[in-house]
Amino acid sequence: MTQPATVATDQLVAEPARSRLTQFAHGGGCACKIPPGELEDMVRGLVGVPSADLLVGLDDGDDAAAVRLDGDTAVLATADFFTPVVDDPYDWGRIAAANALSDIYAMGGRPVVAVNLLGWPRDLLPVDLVREVLRGGLDVARQAGCPVAGGHSIDDPEPKYGMAVTGIADARRLLRNDAARAGQPLSLTKPLGVGVLNNRHKATGEVFPQAVASMVALNREASEQAVAAGIEAATDVTGFGLLGHLYKMARASGVSVVVEASAVPYLAGARESFEAGFVPGGSRRNLAWVQPHLQATVGEDELVLLADAQTSGGLLVAGEIPAGTVIGEFRPRGDAVVLVR
């Protein structure tokens, strides 16, 4: 691998000597997702019990299921877990919890209860580490005002952690994957780059506080702003990268989309880490999946960064909100589903 590029000292800190959780995992965070094309093939045609109250299901790859409970109240249900994305157990717990809660926020909802999902190699890693993982998850759930009421654990050769989260939302004001319309601006609420920074962390042990801070930040404010503005379409950016999730939104909504590459924000150190060769395999798989539906006037490197597999990323919003950066616009469907320039 290429030697790491120099990054300013305020962008990283030394990792204390301890068990390196990322060395017990084949992947890290949302980058260990099953590739999007394979996943769609797996679930194609799998339909559950029909229900007139099911508002959002499997059809368009939304972030959570939505079921009408009573009148205008919808119940949202989601589950999300992954292998360690950082070595610090407390931070991993916080990141995993923020990532799971994000599915509720991406639908315009409010989380009301969560349960832990834990896989732990009991014979390999000490119990004090798993206690820190759970404490991190609890602290972020507490910040979200969401009780954590138990969960489920298994003895697993690879550590995994996340949450199943239940939320509620106004059934009339859900944020959906299939509701983007031509003429709407496209906004992104967190910078990209955690995929390459996490990959560098796994390889070298360097710690990037700016990446941790981004991943533990809740998408609650952005979600509330979108709902208050009457926005109807949103999704969050996780393992399929910005291009992957944006393609799914454009396909579900029957529109095309233009991304202004120069407007997309990145975390400090992300480009340097990419140039040094720290690219998750999932990022290249994301780009390969979108490539048949892509027209671009930027180079391959820029496209890989735009497809970088994110963990606990921001929201993609079909509209403009204070918490977001406008990075493009939706257009009537044409030959290109996604145009990057």
Foldseek 3Di string as FASTA:
>chain_A
DFDFDDADPVFWDFDDDDDQQLVLDPAAFLQPDDQPVVVCVVCPPPDDDDDPQFPDDDPLPALWTWGDDDDQKIKTKHWDKDFHLGRQLLLSLLLQLLLGQQSQLQFLWAWAEKEKEKEAQPVPDDPVSVVSSPVSVCVLCVVSVYYYDYHDYDHDSTIMIHIIIMTMDGNVQTATLQAFDFPFFKWFQFAFQLQLVSLVCSVPVIGGVQSSVQSSDHQNVVSNQCSVVSFHHKHFAAFLAQLQSLLSSLVNNQWAKEFELVQGHHDRPRVSSVVSPRARPSLVSSCVVQVVQEAEPDDPSSSSRRRGGHRNGTMITRHDGPSITGGIGIRHHDSHRYYYD
